[in-house]
Amino acid sequence: MKDVHNYERDPDGFHYDPRTRAAMTRLAGGGDDLPAFEAGAAVRTAYHAVERMRAHGSEGRGVSAGALDVLIRLSTAGERISIGGLARAAGVSSRNVTGLVDTLERDGLVRRVPDPDDRRSVLAEITPAGRAWIEAFREPSRRAMRALFHGFTAEELNVLRDLCLRLAANQRRLADHLSRNEARP
């Protein structure tokens, strides 16, 4: 079995990965920064686990994880969305979204339509085939998420969501701060 995880519990009962702890101890130099380094590694591990689950479910249906994100956003938007709007919502480049929309359009799941307010722009909208695809994907996704988060209480899931979003907000603040400082002469 590839990349088997052997998690252990610390004296407080929390899971940790001994290999990751050893690596992060060397990287952080021990001390007070170790918990942040280990938490960052755990977030990456969890992210990859969720993405592997999503990729397994979506690629088996002919849609990449990125294209699935675009399709879900279009299915829940209730309106047509510009490529730039999709890119901003997903936090990726317009070029990336253009490629994803190209693929989805080729598969008949999305179509481009002229923007009635700006003749230079086009909007993306989900097609009936795209809505049917999402509907067929819904129940397998629900089962997968229930299995992935098996044993978590609703409160734990709320805390996990809150912590992840706080982490993302901190990263955005840090990125804004760094870009402001880089822009200074």
Protein backbone atom coordinates (compact mmCIF):
# COMPACT_ATOMS: atom_id res chain seq x y z
CA MET A 1 0.00 0.00 0.00
CA LYS A 2 1.47 3.33 -1.06
CA ASP A 3 2.09 6.10 1.50
CA VAL A 4 0.58 4.36 4.52
CA HIS A 5 -0.08 6.75 7.38
CA ASN A 6 0.69 5.56 10.89
CA TYR A 7 -0.72 8.27 13.10
CA GLU A 8 -0.09 8.24 16.80
CA ARG A 9 -1.59 10.17 19.71
CA ASP A 10 0.30 12.67 21.82
CA PRO A 11 -0.12 12.80 25.65
CA ASP A 12 -3.15 15.09 25.20
CA GLY A 13 -4.84 12.55 22.91
CA PHE A 14 -4.35 14.47 19.65
CA HIS A 15 -3.30 12.69 16.45
CA TYR A 16 0.09 13.38 14.93
CA ASP A 17 2.30 11.81 12.26
CA PRO A 18 5.70 10.86 13.74
CA ARG A 19 7.48 11.23 10.37
CA THR A 20 5.98 14.68 9.84
CA ARG A 21 6.76 15.69 13.42
CA ALA A 22 10.42 14.70 12.95
CA ALA A 23 10.67 16.61 9.66
CA MET A 24 8.88 19.69 11.00
CA THR A 25 11.04 19.67 14.15
CA ARG A 26 14.15 19.90 11.97
CA LEU A 27 12.58 22.58 9.75
CA ALA A 28 11.18 24.70 12.59
CA GLY A 29 14.21 24.24 14.79
CA GLY A 30 11.94 22.94 17.55
CA GLY A 31 10.49 25.36 20.05
CA ASP A 32 7.28 27.34 19.92
CA ASP A 33 6.93 27.28 16.13
CA LEU A 34 6.60 23.49 15.87
CA PRO A 35 2.78 23.40 16.38
CA ALA A 36 2.26 25.84 13.48
CA PHE A 37 4.54 23.83 11.19
CA GLU A 38 2.78 20.58 12.11
CA ALA A 39 -0.65 22.20 11.65
CA GLY A 40 0.39 23.45 8.20
CA ALA A 41 1.53 19.95 7.25
CA ALA A 42 -1.73 18.47 8.57
CA VAL A 43 -3.77 20.97 6.54
CA ARG A 44 -1.86 19.95 3.41
CA THR A 45 -2.45 16.27 4.19
CA ALA A 46 -6.18 16.86 4.72
CA TYR A 47 -6.40 19.00 1.55
CA HIS A 48 -4.83 16.22 -0.50
CA ALA A 49 -7.19 13.65 1.03
CA VAL A 50 -10.25 15.73 0.08
CA GLU A 51 -8.87 16.43 -3.40
CA ARG A 52 -8.13 12.74 -3.99
CA MET A 53 -11.75 11.97 -3.07
CA ARG A 54 -13.07 14.72 -5.35
CA ALA A 55 -10.78 13.72 -8.20
CA HIS A 56 -11.79 10.08 -7.88
CA GLY A 57 -15.46 11.01 -8.09
CA SER A 58 -15.26 13.63 -10.81
CA GLU A 59 -12.61 12.17 -13.11
CA GLY A 60 -14.51 8.90 -13.24
CA ARG A 61 -17.23 11.01 -14.80
CA GLY A 62 -14.90 12.76 -17.24
CA VAL A 63 -14.53 16.10 -15.39
CA SER A 64 -11.41 17.36 -13.62
CA ALA A 65 -11.61 18.82 -10.11
CA GLY A 66 -11.11 22.34 -11.52
CA ALA A 67 -13.84 21.89 -14.12
CA LEU A 68 -16.10 20.48 -11.40
CA ASP A 69 -15.60 23.68 -9.37
CA VAL A 70 -16.61 25.80 -12.38
CA LEU A 71 -19.63 23.60 -13.08
CA ILE A 72 -20.80 23.75 -9.45
CA ARG A 73 -20.42 27.55 -9.38
CA LEU A 74 -22.45 27.88 -12.57
CA SER A 75 -25.11 25.47 -11.33
CA THR A 76 -25.67 27.40 -8.11
CA ALA A 77 -25.28 30.93 -9.48
CA GLY A 78 -28.77 31.21 -10.90
CA GLU A 79 -27.39 33.41 -13.68
CA ARG A 80 -24.70 33.61 -16.30
CA ILE A 81 -21.22 34.50 -15.07
CA SER A 82 -18.27 36.14 -16.83
CA ILE A 83 -14.98 34.27 -17.09
CA GLY A 84 -13.42 36.93 -14.87
CA GLY A 85 -16.20 36.50 -12.31
CA LEU A 86 -15.68 32.75 -12.27
CA ALA A 87 -11.93 33.25 -11.87
CA ARG A 88 -12.38 35.67 -8.96
CA ALA A 89 -14.87 33.34 -7.24
CA ALA A 90 -12.52 30.37 -7.61
CA GLY A 91 -9.38 32.34 -6.77
CA VAL A 92 -7.61 31.35 -9.99
CA SER A 93 -6.55 33.11 -13.18
CA SER A 94 -8.95 33.97 -16.01
CA ARG A 95 -6.69 31.98 -18.32
CA ASN A 96 -7.18 28.89 -16.16
CA VAL A 97 -10.97 29.32 -16.14
CA THR A 98 -11.00 29.89 -19.91
CA GLY A 99 -9.39 26.48 -20.40
CA LEU A 100 -11.85 24.84 -18.01
CA VAL A 101 -14.83 26.48 -19.74
CA ASP A 102 -13.41 25.36 -23.12
CA THR A 103 -13.36 21.77 -21.88
CA LEU A 104 -16.84 21.96 -20.35
CA GLU A 105 -18.20 23.61 -23.49
CA ARG A 106 -16.67 20.90 -25.68
CA ASP A 107 -18.41 18.31 -23.47
CA GLY A 108 -21.75 20.14 -23.80
CA LEU A 109 -21.98 20.97 -20.08
CA VAL A 110 -21.45 24.74 -20.40
CA ARG A 111 -21.98 27.27 -23.17
CA ARG A 112 -20.76 30.78 -23.83
CA VAL A 113 -23.33 33.46 -24.54
CA PRO A 114 -22.89 37.13 -25.45
CA ASP A 115 -23.00 39.59 -22.56
CA PRO A 116 -26.08 41.77 -23.21
CA ASP A 117 -24.45 44.66 -21.33
CA ASP A 118 -21.03 44.52 -23.01
CA ARG A 119 -20.74 43.30 -26.59
CA ARG A 120 -16.99 42.67 -26.12
CA SER A 121 -17.62 40.13 -23.36
CA VAL A 122 -19.08 36.67 -23.12
CA LEU A 123 -20.73 34.93 -20.21
CA ALA A 124 -20.73 31.26 -19.28
CA GLU A 125 -23.87 29.38 -18.38
CA ILE A 126 -24.60 25.80 -17.49
CA THR A 127 -26.51 23.76 -20.07
CA PRO A 128 -29.34 21.30 -19.36
CA ALA A 129 -26.76 18.51 -19.84
CA GLY A 130 -24.56 20.23 -17.26
CA ARG A 131 -27.46 20.39 -14.79
CA ALA A 132 -28.16 16.68 -15.39
CA TRP A 133 -24.46 15.92 -14.81
CA ILE A 134 -24.52 17.79 -11.49
CA GLU A 135 -27.72 16.01 -10.46
CA ALA A 136 -26.16 12.60 -11.20
CA PHE A 137 -23.05 13.61 -9.23
CA ARG A 138 -24.99 14.82 -6.18
CA GLU A 139 -25.76 11.53 -4.40
CA PRO A 140 -22.32 9.92 -4.91
CA SER A 141 -20.82 13.17 -3.56
CA ARG A 142 -23.04 13.06 -0.50
CA ARG A 143 -22.04 9.47 0.22
CA ALA A 144 -18.34 10.29 -0.27
CA MET A 145 -18.46 13.29 2.08
CA ARG A 146 -20.31 11.26 4.73
CA ALA A 147 -17.62 8.57 4.47
CA LEU A 148 -14.73 11.04 4.45
CA PHE A 149 -16.00 12.82 7.56
CA HIS A 150 -17.18 9.66 9.30
CA GLY A 151 -16.90 9.98 13.08
CA PHE A 152 -16.90 13.78 13.09
CA THR A 153 -19.63 15.52 15.06
CA ALA A 154 -21.49 18.48 13.59
CA GLU A 155 -19.68 20.69 16.11
CA GLU A 156 -16.28 19.34 15.03
CA LEU A 157 -17.14 20.01 11.40
CA ASN A 158 -18.15 23.58 12.28
CA VAL A 159 -14.86 24.09 14.14
CA LEU A 160 -12.88 22.58 11.25
CA ARG A 161 -14.64 24.86 8.76
CA ASP A 162 -14.03 27.90 10.97
CA LEU A 163 -10.35 27.09 11.44
CA CYS A 164 -9.79 26.53 7.73
CA LEU A 165 -11.51 29.78 6.80
CA ARG A 166 -9.56 31.69 9.44
CA LEU A 167 -6.37 30.22 8.01
CA ALA A 168 -7.41 31.32 4.50
CA ALA A 169 -8.25 34.82 5.78
CA ASN A 170 -4.83 35.08 7.44
CA GLN A 171 -3.17 34.03 4.18
CA ARG A 172 -5.12 36.69 2.25
CA ARG A 173 -4.10 39.37 4.74
CA LEU A 174 -0.48 38.26 4.53
CA ALA A 175 -0.56 38.22 0.72
CA ASP A 176 -2.08 41.73 0.66
CA HIS A 177 0.56 42.96 3.09
CA LEU A 178 3.38 41.43 1.04
CA SER A 179 2.05 42.82 -2.24
CA ARG A 180 1.75 46.31 -0.71
CA ASN A 181 5.33 46.12 0.55
CA GLU A 182 6.62 44.81 -2.79
CA ALA A 183 4.93 47.73 -4.58
CA ARG A 184 6.82 50.31 -2.52
CA PRO A 185 9.87 51.86 -4.23
